[in-house]
């Protein structure tokens, strides 16, 4: 397949990823589609368990086996389908073409190996154009670039000897060591205090601007999306329910779930100690999804049709689309109602 300059770097097309459980096969990601252009940042946002991390692991072909499996769909990187790629070829994609920052650096880093050794392993795999001495210097320079002081000394530290924020910076350095075209950041600020979160977000944005790589940024926080992303895809119960440029989504969210999420965010203009709106009900179990729209049990605008049919994507304006029957008829949805 020939790639033209206008083609996206990454295209996820009707991806279905599932897990075999005692209760049967459960689809954690169901018919997910999106694209990511070179040099842009796409945010993937939603509640815990909605399928964000499973989507990322599917792209990297790192679903836990044998339980996890990609049932169908395509994941194209520069036109090459990663789903059908041979294991050894996929191994060369990880780190070299796509880097990943995992959610919890303490479990992602090996506790019994020094930071320098773990970082140098990445250079050995993906930067074979550099000799051993050059890799050490490149590793020290990269640690300094991600904000680790006394980088040469820190090369000899074990993960438990540095703070959570520093461990996350090491993970970012490891993800960037192969100079990837794309970075997947899976909730990289989880469990960090707000000051360190802001530093990590600023670092990722600076590195993206400096290198021109594409970034898939996964989070449950819409405030983070507003700060760092250009586009956003909202996930609910294994599906993307709305996709839009960030400005358009915050200015005029169209799916009732997105509206509920935005309405529940605290604002400086809110009265002191006022009660925030909430989305009523709970997310349905992936093992017992309702027929029709997956948001029907929580939606304030539910219709009989919603309980029988699954809505498809409705294109609203350019890159803005959402799954909702009301949008097919262009009926107004009251902003922020839930």
C-alpha atoms as a PDB file:
ATOM      1  CA  UNK A   1       0.000   0.000   0.000  1.00  0.00           C
ATOM      2  CA  UNK A   2       1.454   3.336  -1.065  1.00  0.00           C
ATOM      3  CA  UNK A   3       1.235   6.157   1.457  1.00  0.00           C
ATOM      4  CA  UNK A   4       0.626   9.718   0.279  1.00  0.00           C
ATOM      5  CA  UNK A   5       1.753  12.776   2.266  1.00  0.00           C
ATOM      6  CA  UNK A   6      -1.887  13.477   3.233  1.00  0.00           C
ATOM      7  CA  UNK A   7      -2.450  10.031   4.762  1.00  0.00           C
ATOM      8  CA  UNK A   8      -2.571   9.756   8.566  1.00  0.00           C
ATOM      9  CA  UNK A   9       0.432   8.275  10.329  1.00  0.00           C
ATOM     10  CA  UNK A  10      -1.835   5.884  12.236  1.00  0.00           C
ATOM     11  CA  UNK A  11      -5.287   4.625  11.299  1.00  0.00           C
ATOM     12  CA  UNK A  12      -7.328   2.414  13.614  1.00  0.00           C
ATOM     13  CA  UNK A  13     -10.195   0.944  11.611  1.00  0.00           C
ATOM     14  CA  UNK A  14     -13.121  -0.849  13.311  1.00  0.00           C
ATOM     15  CA  UNK A  15     -10.887  -2.412  15.938  1.00  0.00           C
ATOM     16  CA  UNK A  16     -12.415  -5.159  18.076  1.00  0.00           C
ATOM     17  CA  UNK A  17     -10.351  -6.443  21.031  1.00  0.00           C
ATOM     18  CA  UNK A  18     -11.677  -9.034  23.475  1.00  0.00           C
ATOM     19  CA  UNK A  19     -10.755 -11.125  26.498  1.00  0.00           C
ATOM     20  CA  UNK A  20     -11.711 -14.713  27.246  1.00  0.00           C
ATOM     21  CA  UNK A  21     -13.127 -14.913  30.768  1.00  0.00           C
ATOM     22  CA  UNK A  22     -14.939 -17.505  32.852  1.00  0.00           C
ATOM     23  CA  UNK A  23     -18.175 -15.814  31.825  1.00  0.00           C
ATOM     24  CA  UNK A  24     -17.257 -16.057  28.141  1.00  0.00           C
ATOM     25  CA  UNK A  25     -15.610 -13.712  25.654  1.00  0.00           C
ATOM     26  CA  UNK A  26     -15.934 -10.020  26.535  1.00  0.00           C
ATOM     27  CA  UNK A  27     -15.315  -7.242  24.020  1.00  0.00           C
ATOM     28  CA  UNK A  28     -13.352  -4.504  25.763  1.00  0.00           C
ATOM     29  CA  UNK A  29     -12.964  -2.496  22.537  1.00  0.00           C
ATOM     30  CA  UNK A  30     -15.748  -2.673  19.971  1.00  0.00           C
ATOM     31  CA  UNK A  31     -15.620  -1.128  16.491  1.00  0.00           C
ATOM     32  CA  UNK A  32     -13.194   1.654  17.477  1.00  0.00           C
ATOM     33  CA  UNK A  33     -11.977   3.862  14.634  1.00  0.00           C
ATOM     34  CA  UNK A  34      -9.779   6.962  14.625  1.00  0.00           C
ATOM     35  CA  UNK A  35      -6.728   8.367  12.880  1.00  0.00           C
ATOM     36  CA  UNK A  36      -3.668  10.272  14.024  1.00  0.00           C
ATOM     37  CA  UNK A  37      -1.672  12.607  11.807  1.00  0.00           C
ATOM     38  CA  UNK A  38       2.052  13.117  12.175  1.00  0.00           C
ATOM     39  CA  UNK A  39       2.880  15.973  14.519  1.00  0.00           C
ATOM     40  CA  UNK A  40      -0.510  16.074  16.259  1.00  0.00           C
ATOM     41  CA  UNK A  41      -1.742  15.095  19.733  1.00  0.00           C
ATOM     42  CA  UNK A  42      -4.965  13.110  20.064  1.00  0.00           C
ATOM     43  CA  UNK A  43      -6.495  12.674  23.500  1.00  0.00           C
ATOM     44  CA  UNK A  44      -8.390   9.491  24.339  1.00  0.00           C
ATOM     45  CA  UNK A  45     -10.594  10.206  27.346  1.00  0.00           C
ATOM     46  CA  UNK A  46     -13.156   8.271  29.363  1.00  0.00           C
ATOM     47  CA  UNK A  47     -13.939   6.613  32.670  1.00  0.00           C
ATOM     48  CA  UNK A  48     -11.852   3.763  34.052  1.00  0.00           C
ATOM     49  CA  UNK A  49     -12.633   0.501  32.273  1.00  0.00           C
ATOM     50  CA  UNK A  50     -13.941   2.101  29.079  1.00  0.00           C
ATOM     51  CA  UNK A  51     -11.235   0.531  26.890  1.00  0.00           C
ATOM     52  CA  UNK A  52      -8.599   3.270  26.599  1.00  0.00           C
ATOM     53  CA  UNK A  53      -5.622   1.201  27.744  1.00  0.00           C
ATOM     54  CA  UNK A  54      -6.818  -1.869  25.845  1.00  0.00           C
ATOM     55  CA  UNK A  55      -6.839   0.253  22.689  1.00  0.00           C
ATOM     56  CA  UNK A  56      -3.229   1.301  23.371  1.00  0.00           C
ATOM     57  CA  UNK A  57      -2.103  -2.263  24.102  1.00  0.00           C
ATOM     58  CA  UNK A  58      -3.815  -3.442  20.918  1.00  0.00           C
ATOM     59  CA  UNK A  59      -1.860  -0.893  18.871  1.00  0.00           C
ATOM     60  CA  UNK A  60       1.364  -2.187  20.440  1.00  0.00           C
ATOM     61  CA  UNK A  61       0.207  -5.811  20.090  1.00  0.00           C
ATOM     62  CA  UNK A  62       0.789  -6.275  23.823  1.00  0.00           C
ATOM     63  CA  UNK A  63      -2.586  -7.651  24.910  1.00  0.00           C
ATOM     64  CA  UNK A  64      -2.015 -10.306  27.605  1.00  0.00           C
ATOM     65  CA  UNK A  65      -2.059 -13.741  26.006  1.00  0.00           C
ATOM     66  CA  UNK A  66      -3.795 -16.092  25.705  1.00  0.00           C
ATOM     67  CA  UNK A  67      -6.813 -14.275  27.181  1.00  0.00           C
ATOM     68  CA  UNK A  68      -6.517 -11.096  25.097  1.00  0.00           C
ATOM     69  CA  UNK A  69      -7.097 -11.206  21.362  1.00  0.00           C
ATOM     70  CA  UNK A  70      -7.713  -8.798  18.489  1.00  0.00           C
ATOM     71  CA  UNK A  71     -10.844 -10.238  16.903  1.00  0.00           C
ATOM     72  CA  UNK A  72     -11.059  -7.985  13.855  1.00  0.00           C
ATOM     73  CA  UNK A  73     -10.201  -4.613  12.428  1.00  0.00           C
ATOM     74  CA  UNK A  74      -6.999  -2.999  11.204  1.00  0.00           C
ATOM     75  CA  UNK A  75      -4.275  -0.863  12.788  1.00  0.00           C
ATOM     76  CA  UNK A  76      -2.295   0.774   9.998  1.00  0.00           C
ATOM     77  CA  UNK A  77       0.997   2.537  10.607  1.00  0.00           C
ATOM     78  CA  UNK A  78       2.146   4.281   7.427  1.00  0.00           C
ATOM     79  CA  UNK A  79      -0.141   1.899   5.553  1.00  0.00           C
ATOM     80  CA  UNK A  80       1.230  -1.293   7.155  1.00  0.00           C
ATOM     81  CA  UNK A  81      -1.352  -3.296   9.103  1.00  0.00           C
ATOM     82  CA  UNK A  82       0.151  -4.056  12.517  1.00  0.00           C
ATOM     83  CA  UNK A  83      -2.532  -6.657  13.263  1.00  0.00           C
ATOM     84  CA  UNK A  84      -1.180  -9.012  10.599  1.00  0.00           C
ATOM     85  CA  UNK A  85       2.501  -8.173  11.090  1.00  0.00           C
ATOM     86  CA  UNK A  86       4.818 -11.061  11.971  1.00  0.00           C
ATOM     87  CA  UNK A  87       5.998 -11.088  15.623  1.00  0.00           C
ATOM     88  CA  UNK A  88       9.627 -10.285  14.787  1.00  0.00           C
ATOM     89  CA  UNK A  89       8.583  -7.391  12.551  1.00  0.00           C
ATOM     90  CA  UNK A  90       6.244  -6.103  15.251  1.00  0.00           C
ATOM     91  CA  UNK A  91       9.117  -6.249  17.726  1.00  0.00           C
ATOM     92  CA  UNK A  92      11.016  -3.813  15.516  1.00  0.00           C
ATOM     93  CA  UNK A  93       8.034  -1.443  15.483  1.00  0.00           C
ATOM     94  CA  UNK A  94       7.870  -1.241  19.289  1.00  0.00           C
ATOM     95  CA  UNK A  95      10.286   1.376  20.523  1.00  0.00           C
ATOM     96  CA  UNK A  96      11.573   2.285  17.079  1.00  0.00           C
ATOM     97  CA  UNK A  97       8.362   3.411  15.353  1.00  0.00           C
ATOM     98  CA  UNK A  98       6.030   3.632  18.371  1.00  0.00           C
ATOM     99  CA  UNK A  99       7.172   4.412  21.905  1.00  0.00           C
ATOM    100  CA  UNK A 100       4.956   3.942  24.949  1.00  0.00           C
ATOM    101  CA  UNK A 101       4.856   5.481  28.421  1.00  0.00           C
ATOM    102  CA  UNK A 102       3.094   3.005  30.666  1.00  0.00           C
ATOM    103  CA  UNK A 103       0.639   3.994  33.373  1.00  0.00           C
ATOM    104  CA  UNK A 104       2.613   2.945  36.449  1.00  0.00           C
ATOM    105  CA  UNK A 105       6.388   3.451  36.195  1.00  0.00           C
ATOM    106  CA  UNK A 106       7.164   1.454  39.343  1.00  0.00           C
ATOM    107  CA  UNK A 107       5.780  -1.711  37.769  1.00  0.00           C
ATOM    108  CA  UNK A 108       6.979  -0.874  34.236  1.00  0.00           C
ATOM    109  CA  UNK A 109      10.597  -0.472  35.366  1.00  0.00           C
ATOM    110  CA  UNK A 110      12.513  -3.551  36.469  1.00  0.00           C
ATOM    111  CA  UNK A 111      13.198  -3.071  40.206  1.00  0.00           C
ATOM    112  CA  UNK A 112      16.384  -5.185  40.217  1.00  0.00           C
ATOM    113  CA  UNK A 113      18.191  -3.397  37.387  1.00  0.00           C
ATOM    114  CA  UNK A 114      19.742   0.042  37.439  1.00  0.00           C
ATOM    115  CA  UNK A 115      18.130   2.827  35.450  1.00  0.00           C
ATOM    116  CA  UNK A 116      21.135   3.138  33.164  1.00  0.00           C
ATOM    117  CA  UNK A 117      21.080  -0.536  32.236  1.00  0.00           C
ATOM    118  CA  UNK A 118      17.386  -0.426  31.362  1.00  0.00           C
ATOM    119  CA  UNK A 119      17.768   2.678  29.237  1.00  0.00           C
ATOM    120  CA  UNK A 120      20.853   1.329  27.479  1.00  0.00           C
ATOM    121  CA  UNK A 121      18.906  -1.808  26.515  1.00  0.00           C
ATOM    122  CA  UNK A 122      16.574   0.396  24.476  1.00  0.00           C
ATOM    123  CA  UNK A 123      19.535   2.046  22.739  1.00  0.00           C
ATOM    124  CA  UNK A 124      21.067  -1.373  22.031  1.00  0.00           C
ATOM    125  CA  UNK A 125      17.839  -2.565  20.396  1.00  0.00           C
ATOM    126  CA  UNK A 126      16.961   0.495  18.358  1.00  0.00           C
ATOM    127  CA  UNK A 127      20.084   2.646  17.977  1.00  0.00           C
ATOM    128  CA  UNK A 128      22.626   0.196  16.625  1.00  0.00           C
ATOM    129  CA  UNK A 129      24.165   3.003  14.587  1.00  0.00           C
ATOM    130  CA  UNK A 130      25.807   4.191  17.836  1.00  0.00           C
ATOM    131  CA  UNK A 131      28.695   2.329  19.509  1.00  0.00           C
ATOM    132  CA  UNK A 132      28.643   1.362  23.206  1.00  0.00           C
ATOM    133  CA  UNK A 133      30.384   4.508  24.433  1.00  0.00           C
ATOM    134  CA  UNK A 134      28.138   6.679  22.283  1.00  0.00           C
ATOM    135  CA  UNK A 135      25.044   4.994  23.722  1.00  0.00           C
ATOM    136  CA  UNK A 136      26.100   5.865  27.257  1.00  0.00           C
ATOM    137  CA  UNK A 137      26.570   9.504  26.306  1.00  0.00           C
ATOM    138  CA  UNK A 138      23.262   9.534  24.445  1.00  0.00           C
ATOM    139  CA  UNK A 139      21.496   7.983  27.441  1.00  0.00           C
ATOM    140  CA  UNK A 140      22.934  10.587  29.822  1.00  0.00           C
ATOM    141  CA  UNK A 141      21.962  13.388  27.437  1.00  0.00           C
ATOM    142  CA  UNK A 142      18.415  12.025  27.126  1.00  0.00           C
ATOM    143  CA  UNK A 143      17.974  11.767  30.907  1.00  0.00           C
ATOM    144  CA  UNK A 144      19.111  15.371  31.186  1.00  0.00           C
ATOM    145  CA  UNK A 145      16.707  16.366  28.416  1.00  0.00           C
ATOM    146  CA  UNK A 146      13.714  14.961  30.311  1.00  0.00           C
ATOM    147  CA  UNK A 147      14.658  16.933  33.407  1.00  0.00           C
ATOM    148  CA  UNK A 148      16.632  14.508  35.557  1.00  0.00           C
ATOM    149  CA  UNK A 149      19.418  16.337  37.444  1.00  0.00           C
ATOM    150  CA  UNK A 150      22.870  14.752  37.738  1.00  0.00           C
ATOM    151  CA  UNK A 151      21.892  12.329  34.985  1.00  0.00           C
ATOM    152  CA  UNK A 152      25.227  10.497  34.923  1.00  0.00           C
ATOM    153  CA  UNK A 153      24.915   9.736  38.644  1.00  0.00           C
ATOM    154  CA  UNK A 154      21.264   8.680  38.290  1.00  0.00           C
ATOM    155  CA  UNK A 155      22.276   6.080  35.708  1.00  0.00           C
ATOM    156  CA  UNK A 156      23.522   3.973  38.637  1.00  0.00           C
ATOM    157  CA  UNK A 157      20.316   4.327  40.705  1.00  0.00           C
ATOM    158  CA  UNK A 158      17.669   1.652  41.101  1.00  0.00           C
ATOM    159  CA  UNK A 159      14.016   2.665  40.500  1.00  0.00           C
ATOM    160  CA  UNK A 160      13.172   2.649  44.217  1.00  0.00           C
ATOM    161  CA  UNK A 161      15.876   5.225  44.875  1.00  0.00           C
ATOM    162  CA  UNK A 162      14.160   8.000  42.926  1.00  0.00           C
ATOM    163  CA  UNK A 163      10.764   9.689  43.239  1.00  0.00           C
ATOM    164  CA  UNK A 164       7.632   8.819  41.286  1.00  0.00           C
ATOM    165  CA  UNK A 165       8.013  11.892  39.109  1.00  0.00           C
ATOM    166  CA  UNK A 166      11.613  10.981  38.307  1.00  0.00           C
ATOM    167  CA  UNK A 167      10.597   7.401  37.491  1.00  0.00           C
ATOM    168  CA  UNK A 168       8.035   8.741  35.044  1.00  0.00           C
ATOM    169  CA  UNK A 169      10.740  10.897  33.432  1.00  0.00           C
ATOM    170  CA  UNK A 170      12.890   7.775  33.041  1.00  0.00           C
ATOM    171  CA  UNK A 171       9.940   6.056  31.327  1.00  0.00           C
ATOM    172  CA  UNK A 172       9.604   9.019  28.961  1.00  0.00           C
ATOM    173  CA  UNK A 173      13.336   8.820  28.190  1.00  0.00           C
ATOM    174  CA  UNK A 174      13.045   5.086  27.437  1.00  0.00           C
ATOM    175  CA  UNK A 175      10.039   5.719  25.184  1.00  0.00           C
ATOM    176  CA  UNK A 176      11.971   8.373  23.235  1.00  0.00           C
ATOM    177  CA  UNK A 177      15.307   6.570  23.018  1.00  0.00           C
ATOM    178  CA  UNK A 178      14.458   4.952  19.685  1.00  0.00           C
ATOM    179  CA  UNK A 179      13.364   8.298  18.195  1.00  0.00           C
ATOM    180  CA  UNK A 180       9.848   6.988  17.450  1.00  0.00           C
ATOM    181  CA  UNK A 181       7.425   8.542  14.978  1.00  0.00           C
ATOM    182  CA  UNK A 182       4.625   8.150  17.506  1.00  0.00           C
ATOM    183  CA  UNK A 183       4.309   8.140  21.292  1.00  0.00           C
ATOM    184  CA  UNK A 184       1.522   6.516  23.322  1.00  0.00           C
ATOM    185  CA  UNK A 185       1.201   8.076  26.777  1.00  0.00           C
ATOM    186  CA  UNK A 186      -1.105   5.932  28.930  1.00  0.00           C
ATOM    187  CA  UNK A 187      -2.180   8.153  31.836  1.00  0.00           C
ATOM    188  CA  UNK A 188       1.428   9.262  32.455  1.00  0.00           C
ATOM    189  CA  UNK A 189       0.492  11.542  35.369  1.00  0.00           C
ATOM    190  CA  UNK A 190      -1.404   8.951  37.436  1.00  0.00           C
ATOM    191  CA  UNK A 191      -0.530   9.022  41.169  1.00  0.00           C
ATOM    192  CA  UNK A 192       1.638  12.129  40.793  1.00  0.00           C
ATOM    193  CA  UNK A 193       0.917  15.316  42.717  1.00  0.00           C
ATOM    194  CA  UNK A 194      -0.478  18.254  40.746  1.00  0.00           C
ATOM    195  CA  UNK A 195       2.823  20.138  40.547  1.00  0.00           C
ATOM    196  CA  UNK A 196       4.650  17.122  39.083  1.00  0.00           C
ATOM    197  CA  UNK A 197       1.679  16.418  36.788  1.00  0.00           C
ATOM    198  CA  UNK A 198       2.004  19.897  35.297  1.00  0.00           C
ATOM    199  CA  UNK A 199       5.742  19.410  34.776  1.00  0.00           C
ATOM    200  CA  UNK A 200       5.243  16.057  33.027  1.00  0.00           C
ATOM    201  CA  UNK A 201       2.523  17.475  30.764  1.00  0.00           C
ATOM    202  CA  UNK A 202       4.723  20.433  29.842  1.00  0.00           C
ATOM    203  CA  UNK A 203       7.638  18.083  29.150  1.00  0.00           C
ATOM    204  CA  UNK A 204       5.572  15.881  26.810  1.00  0.00           C
ATOM    205  CA  UNK A 205       4.234  18.928  24.957  1.00  0.00           C
ATOM    206  CA  UNK A 206       7.758  20.375  24.584  1.00  0.00           C
ATOM    207  CA  UNK A 207       9.191  17.073  23.353  1.00  0.00           C
ATOM    208  CA  UNK A 208       6.353  16.658  20.862  1.00  0.00           C
ATOM    209  CA  UNK A 209       6.926  20.143  19.484  1.00  0.00           C
ATOM    210  CA  UNK A 210      10.682  19.550  19.351  1.00  0.00           C
ATOM    211  CA  UNK A 211      10.599  16.152  17.632  1.00  0.00           C
ATOM    212  CA  UNK A 212       7.416  16.453  15.561  1.00  0.00           C
ATOM    213  CA  UNK A 213       6.190  13.040  16.677  1.00  0.00           C
ATOM    214  CA  UNK A 214       2.510  12.160  16.920  1.00  0.00           C
ATOM    215  CA  UNK A 215       1.101  11.521  20.401  1.00  0.00           C
ATOM    216  CA  UNK A 216      -1.849   9.427  21.556  1.00  0.00           C
ATOM    217  CA  UNK A 217      -2.520  10.778  25.053  1.00  0.00           C
ATOM    218  CA  UNK A 218      -4.740   8.612  27.253  1.00  0.00           C
ATOM    219  CA  UNK A 219      -6.373  10.101  30.330  1.00  0.00           C
ATOM    220  CA  UNK A 220      -9.601  10.302  32.313  1.00  0.00           C
ATOM    221  CA  UNK A 221      -9.168  14.036  32.965  1.00  0.00           C
ATOM    222  CA  UNK A 222     -10.759  16.492  30.551  1.00  0.00           C
ATOM    223  CA  UNK A 223      -8.680  19.299  32.045  1.00  0.00           C
ATOM    224  CA  UNK A 224      -5.535  17.553  30.836  1.00  0.00           C
ATOM    225  CA  UNK A 225      -7.089  17.116  27.387  1.00  0.00           C
ATOM    226  CA  UNK A 226      -7.764  20.856  27.183  1.00  0.00           C
ATOM    227  CA  UNK A 227      -4.175  21.631  28.144  1.00  0.00           C
ATOM    228  CA  UNK A 228      -2.206  19.388  25.821  1.00  0.00           C
ATOM    229  CA  UNK A 229      -4.318  17.941  22.973  1.00  0.00           C
ATOM    230  CA  UNK A 230      -5.468  19.151  19.562  1.00  0.00           C
ATOM    231  CA  UNK A 231      -8.129  16.494  19.028  1.00  0.00           C
ATOM    232  CA  UNK A 232     -10.099  14.355  21.447  1.00  0.00           C
ATOM    233  CA  UNK A 233     -11.943  11.036  21.240  1.00  0.00           C
ATOM    234  CA  UNK A 234     -14.398  10.277  24.058  1.00  0.00           C
ATOM    235  CA  UNK A 235     -14.794   6.576  24.937  1.00  0.00           C
ATOM    236  CA  UNK A 236     -17.687   4.916  26.728  1.00  0.00           C
ATOM    237  CA  UNK A 237     -18.178   1.179  27.342  1.00  0.00           C
ATOM    238  CA  UNK A 238     -15.671   0.127  24.689  1.00  0.00           C
ATOM    239  CA  UNK A 239     -16.738   2.543  21.944  1.00  0.00           C
ATOM    240  CA  UNK A 240     -15.827   6.047  20.837  1.00  0.00           C
ATOM    241  CA  UNK A 241     -19.004   8.110  21.258  1.00  0.00           C
ATOM    242  CA  UNK A 242     -17.650  11.507  20.166  1.00  0.00           C
ATOM    243  CA  UNK A 243     -14.611  12.769  18.260  1.00  0.00           C
ATOM    244  CA  UNK A 244     -13.774  16.428  17.707  1.00  0.00           C
ATOM    245  CA  UNK A 245     -11.129  19.144  17.713  1.00  0.00           C
ATOM    246  CA  UNK A 246     -10.581  20.122  21.338  1.00  0.00           C
ATOM    247  CA  UNK A 247     -11.985  23.623  20.953  1.00  0.00           C
ATOM    248  CA  UNK A 248     -15.165  22.379  19.290  1.00  0.00           C
ATOM    249  CA  UNK A 249     -15.724  19.713  21.942  1.00  0.00           C
ATOM    250  CA  UNK A 250     -15.443  22.123  24.852  1.00  0.00           C
ATOM    251  CA  UNK A 251     -17.451  24.821  23.096  1.00  0.00           C
ATOM    252  CA  UNK A 252     -20.291  22.579  21.954  1.00  0.00           C
ATOM    253  CA  UNK A 253     -20.232  18.933  23.108  1.00  0.00           C
ATOM    254  CA  UNK A 254     -22.855  16.963  21.223  1.00  0.00           C
ATOM    255  CA  UNK A 255     -23.095  13.543  22.874  1.00  0.00           C
ATOM    256  CA  UNK A 256     -25.025  13.430  26.190  1.00  0.00           C
ATOM    257  CA  UNK A 257     -22.153  11.545  27.846  1.00  0.00           C
ATOM    258  CA  UNK A 258     -19.619  14.213  26.852  1.00  0.00           C
ATOM    259  CA  UNK A 259     -21.984  16.895  28.088  1.00  0.00           C
ATOM    260  CA  UNK A 260     -22.319  15.097  31.406  1.00  0.00           C
ATOM    261  CA  UNK A 261     -18.547  14.849  31.782  1.00  0.00           C
ATOM    262  CA  UNK A 262     -18.051  18.536  31.099  1.00  0.00           C
ATOM    263  CA  UNK A 263     -20.922  19.543  33.394  1.00  0.00           C
ATOM    264  CA  UNK A 264     -19.364  17.592  36.260  1.00  0.00           C
ATOM    265  CA  UNK A 265     -16.101  19.563  36.105  1.00  0.00           C
ATOM    266  CA  UNK A 266     -15.668  22.194  38.839  1.00  0.00           C
ATOM    267  CA  UNK A 267     -15.412  25.777  37.609  1.00  0.00           C
ATOM    268  CA  UNK A 268     -13.984  28.933  39.129  1.00  0.00           C
ATOM    269  CA  UNK A 269     -17.361  30.578  38.585  1.00  0.00           C
ATOM    270  CA  UNK A 270     -19.191  27.937  40.664  1.00  0.00           C
ATOM    271  CA  UNK A 271     -20.550  28.952  44.049  1.00  0.00           C
ATOM    272  CA  UNK A 272     -18.600  27.780  47.082  1.00  0.00           C
ATOM    273  CA  UNK A 273     -19.609  24.313  48.297  1.00  0.00           C
ATOM    274  CA  UNK A 274     -22.146  23.932  45.467  1.00  0.00           C
ATOM    275  CA  UNK A 275     -23.032  20.386  44.426  1.00  0.00           C
ATOM    276  CA  UNK A 276     -21.617  19.370  41.064  1.00  0.00           C
ATOM    277  CA  UNK A 277     -23.938  17.699  38.531  1.00  0.00           C
ATOM    278  CA  UNK A 278     -23.404  13.964  38.146  1.00  0.00           C
ATOM    279  CA  UNK A 279     -24.187  11.419  35.446  1.00  0.00           C
ATOM    280  CA  UNK A 280     -26.816   9.209  37.001  1.00  0.00           C
ATOM    281  CA  UNK A 281     -26.477   5.427  37.045  1.00  0.00           C
ATOM    282  CA  UNK A 282     -23.415   3.298  36.418  1.00  0.00           C
ATOM    283  CA  UNK A 283     -21.438   2.105  33.420  1.00  0.00           C
ATOM    284  CA  UNK A 284     -22.873  -1.231  32.191  1.00  0.00           C
ATOM    285  CA  UNK A 285     -20.754  -4.340  32.551  1.00  0.00           C
ATOM    286  CA  UNK A 286     -18.939  -5.260  29.346  1.00  0.00           C
ATOM    287  CA  UNK A 287     -20.174  -8.810  29.918  1.00  0.00           C
ATOM    288  CA  UNK A 288     -23.804  -7.633  30.009  1.00  0.00           C
ATOM    289  CA  UNK A 289     -24.092  -4.717  27.623  1.00  0.00           C
ATOM    290  CA  UNK A 290     -27.626  -3.532  26.842  1.00  0.00           C
ATOM    291  CA  UNK A 291     -29.135  -3.831  23.394  1.00  0.00           C
ATOM    292  CA  UNK A 292     -29.044  -0.611  21.428  1.00  0.00           C
ATOM    293  CA  UNK A 293     -27.192   2.445  22.737  1.00  0.00           C
ATOM    294  CA  UNK A 294     -24.755   1.661  25.542  1.00  0.00           C
ATOM    295  CA  UNK A 295     -25.488   4.958  27.270  1.00  0.00           C
ATOM    296  CA  UNK A 296     -29.265   4.452  27.334  1.00  0.00           C
ATOM    297  CA  UNK A 297     -29.554   3.645  31.072  1.00  0.00           C
ATOM    298  CA  UNK A 298     -27.893   6.966  31.990  1.00  0.00           C
ATOM    299  CA  UNK A 299     -29.075   9.270  29.216  1.00  0.00           C
ATOM    300  CA  UNK A 300     -31.617  12.031  30.042  1.00  0.00           C
ATOM    301  CA  UNK A 301     -32.787  12.020  26.394  1.00  0.00           C
ATOM    302  CA  UNK A 302     -33.340   8.261  25.933  1.00  0.00           C
ATOM    303  CA  UNK A 303     -35.960   7.219  23.382  1.00  0.00           C
ATOM    304  CA  UNK A 304     -37.522   3.858  22.595  1.00  0.00           C
ATOM    305  CA  UNK A 305     -35.272   3.574  19.551  1.00  0.00           C
ATOM    306  CA  UNK A 306     -32.184   3.862  21.758  1.00  0.00           C
ATOM    307  CA  UNK A 307     -33.158   0.630  23.534  1.00  0.00           C
ATOM    308  CA  UNK A 308     -33.372  -1.357  20.321  1.00  0.00           C
ATOM    309  CA  UNK A 309     -30.797   0.027  17.883  1.00  0.00           C
ATOM    310  CA  UNK A 310     -27.133   0.989  18.233  1.00  0.00           C
ATOM    311  CA  UNK A 311     -26.481   4.507  16.894  1.00  0.00           C
ATOM    312  CA  UNK A 312     -23.797   4.966  14.284  1.00  0.00           C
ATOM    313  CA  UNK A 313     -21.494   7.969  13.948  1.00  0.00           C
ATOM    314  CA  UNK A 314     -23.136  11.171  12.726  1.00  0.00           C
ATOM    315  CA  UNK A 315     -20.768  13.669  11.090  1.00  0.00           C
ATOM    316  CA  UNK A 316     -21.506  17.141  12.450  1.00  0.00           C
ATOM    317  CA  UNK A 317     -18.764  19.381  11.113  1.00  0.00           C
ATOM    318  CA  UNK A 318     -15.464  18.308   9.587  1.00  0.00           C
ATOM    319  CA  UNK A 319     -13.651  16.171  12.164  1.00  0.00           C
ATOM    320  CA  UNK A 320     -16.515  16.394  14.667  1.00  0.00           C
ATOM    321  CA  UNK A 321     -18.801  13.372  14.909  1.00  0.00           C
ATOM    322  CA  UNK A 322     -20.820  11.619  17.597  1.00  0.00           C
ATOM    323  CA  UNK A 323     -23.019   8.557  18.096  1.00  0.00           C
ATOM    324  CA  UNK A 324     -26.526   9.732  18.968  1.00  0.00           C
ATOM    325  CA  UNK A 325     -29.923   9.331  17.261  1.00  0.00           C
ATOM    326  CA  UNK A 326     -30.906  12.879  18.245  1.00  0.00           C
ATOM    327  CA  UNK A 327     -28.116  14.192  16.057  1.00  0.00           C
ATOM    328  CA  UNK A 328     -29.482  12.396  13.007  1.00  0.00           C
ATOM    329  CA  UNK A 329     -32.542  14.629  13.267  1.00  0.00           C
ATOM    330  CA  UNK A 330     -30.408  17.557  14.451  1.00  0.00           C
ATOM    331  CA  UNK A 331     -32.595  17.943  17.507  1.00  0.00           C
ATOM    332  CA  UNK A 332     -31.077  20.163  20.193  1.00  0.00           C
ATOM    333  CA  UNK A 333     -29.498  18.526  23.215  1.00  0.00           C
ATOM    334  CA  UNK A 334     -29.445  20.815  26.215  1.00  0.00           C
ATOM    335  CA  UNK A 335     -25.804  21.510  27.035  1.00  0.00           C
ATOM    336  CA  UNK A 336     -24.573  19.970  30.269  1.00  0.00           C
ATOM    337  CA  UNK A 337     -27.794  18.157  31.164  1.00  0.00           C
ATOM    338  CA  UNK A 338     -27.368  14.840  32.891  1.00  0.00           C
END
